Protein backbone atom coordinates (compact mmCIF):
# COMPACT_ATOMS: atom_id res chain seq x y z
CA MET A 1 81.39 2.04 -34.43
CA PHE A 2 80.27 -1.23 -32.83
CA ALA A 3 77.02 -2.74 -31.60
CA ILE A 4 75.83 -5.46 -29.27
CA VAL A 5 73.17 -7.58 -31.01
CA LYS A 6 70.98 -10.42 -29.82
CA THR A 7 70.26 -13.52 -31.91
CA GLY A 8 69.59 -17.13 -31.00
CA GLY A 9 69.43 -16.35 -27.28
CA LYS A 10 73.02 -15.06 -27.28
CA GLN A 11 74.60 -11.61 -27.51
CA TYR A 12 77.46 -10.69 -29.84
CA ARG A 13 79.71 -7.63 -30.25
CA VAL A 14 79.77 -6.81 -33.98
CA GLU A 15 81.49 -4.35 -36.32
CA PRO A 16 81.09 -3.86 -40.08
CA GLY A 17 83.03 -6.51 -42.04
CA LEU A 18 82.95 -9.12 -39.24
CA LYS A 19 82.18 -12.77 -40.10
CA LEU A 20 80.25 -14.56 -37.39
CA LYS A 21 78.75 -18.01 -36.73
CA VAL A 22 75.38 -17.73 -34.96
CA GLU A 23 72.56 -20.13 -34.12
CA LYS A 24 70.76 -21.29 -37.26
CA LEU A 25 68.54 -18.63 -38.88
CA ALA A 26 65.61 -19.26 -41.22
CA ALA A 27 67.11 -17.35 -44.16
CA GLU A 28 68.53 -18.39 -47.50
CA PRO A 29 72.24 -17.89 -48.33
CA GLY A 30 72.69 -14.57 -50.10
CA SER A 31 69.75 -12.90 -48.36
CA HIS A 32 69.97 -10.09 -45.81
CA VAL A 33 68.75 -10.23 -42.21
CA GLU A 34 68.24 -7.45 -39.66
CA LEU A 35 69.37 -8.03 -36.08
CA PRO A 36 68.01 -6.11 -33.04
CA VAL A 37 70.52 -3.80 -31.33
CA LEU A 38 70.91 -3.78 -27.53
CA LEU A 39 73.75 -1.24 -27.36
CA LEU A 40 75.45 1.13 -29.80
CA GLY A 41 79.03 2.20 -29.15
CA GLY A 42 81.50 4.54 -30.76
CA GLU A 43 81.74 8.29 -30.08
CA GLY A 44 78.77 8.09 -27.71
CA VAL A 45 77.15 5.08 -26.13
CA ARG A 46 73.40 4.44 -26.54
CA VAL A 47 71.85 1.74 -24.39
CA GLY A 48 68.47 0.26 -25.29
CA THR A 49 65.56 -0.62 -23.01
CA PRO A 50 65.67 -3.44 -24.15
CA PHE A 51 66.46 -2.40 -27.77
CA VAL A 52 67.85 0.87 -29.18
CA GLU A 53 65.06 2.74 -31.03
CA GLY A 54 65.73 3.22 -34.76
CA ALA A 55 68.94 1.17 -34.75
CA LYS A 56 69.55 -2.05 -36.65
CA VAL A 57 72.38 -4.20 -37.92
CA VAL A 58 72.16 -5.48 -41.49
CA ALA A 59 73.91 -8.80 -42.13
CA GLU A 60 74.25 -11.02 -45.18
CA VAL A 61 73.77 -14.78 -44.81
CA LEU A 62 76.83 -16.54 -46.26
CA ALA A 63 76.17 -20.22 -45.55
CA HIS A 64 74.59 -22.79 -43.27
CA GLY A 65 76.55 -25.59 -41.67
CA ARG A 66 77.03 -27.88 -38.72
CA GLY A 67 79.68 -27.58 -36.03
CA LYS A 68 82.18 -30.11 -34.74
CA LYS A 69 80.82 -33.32 -33.26
CA ILE A 70 80.41 -33.38 -29.49
CA THR A 71 80.35 -36.83 -27.83
CA ILE A 72 78.02 -37.37 -24.86
CA SER A 73 78.65 -40.38 -22.60
CA LYS A 74 76.57 -41.65 -19.68
CA PHE A 75 77.80 -44.31 -17.26
CA LYS A 76 76.50 -45.86 -14.06
CA ALA A 77 78.76 -48.13 -12.07
CA LYS A 78 77.84 -51.75 -11.23
CA VAL A 79 74.64 -51.91 -13.36
CA GLN A 80 76.10 -52.31 -16.89
CA TYR A 81 74.60 -48.98 -18.02
CA ARG A 82 76.49 -47.16 -20.78
CA ARG A 83 75.17 -44.74 -23.41
CA LYS A 84 77.11 -42.87 -26.08
CA ARG A 85 75.61 -40.23 -28.35
CA GLY A 86 76.92 -37.53 -30.64
CA HIS A 87 75.62 -34.07 -31.52
CA ARG A 88 76.45 -31.46 -34.18
CA GLN A 89 74.95 -28.01 -33.61
CA PRO A 90 73.64 -26.28 -36.76
CA TYR A 91 74.85 -22.72 -37.39
CA THR A 92 74.50 -19.88 -39.88
CA GLU A 93 77.55 -17.93 -41.00
CA ILE A 94 76.80 -14.22 -41.46
CA LEU A 95 78.77 -11.16 -42.61
CA ILE A 96 77.98 -7.85 -40.92
CA LYS A 97 77.36 -5.30 -43.69
CA GLU A 98 76.41 -2.11 -41.82
CA ILE A 99 75.25 -0.66 -38.54
CA GLN A 100 72.43 1.87 -38.85
CA GLY A 101 71.35 4.22 -36.12
């Protein structure tokens, strides 16, 4: 059985036992979070409008972290304009425990 869940403005295909890095969640490591289900798959497919009624995905928060550094550069010719910045996106690592529904 699999499900399509929505978190952090993105959609993910999940199965029980899957480790996943999602946008940072406001939850402590070791706690459980419930994610809304857009689609349930397996023997039969159930599509939500927008979410599947009575279905949820339970996930355990493993850790918080920050991704690889991304370098942003701006340059304009002939005017001595140069800017360089870096960014590291925060994430939450979760483990999918079960799919209910």
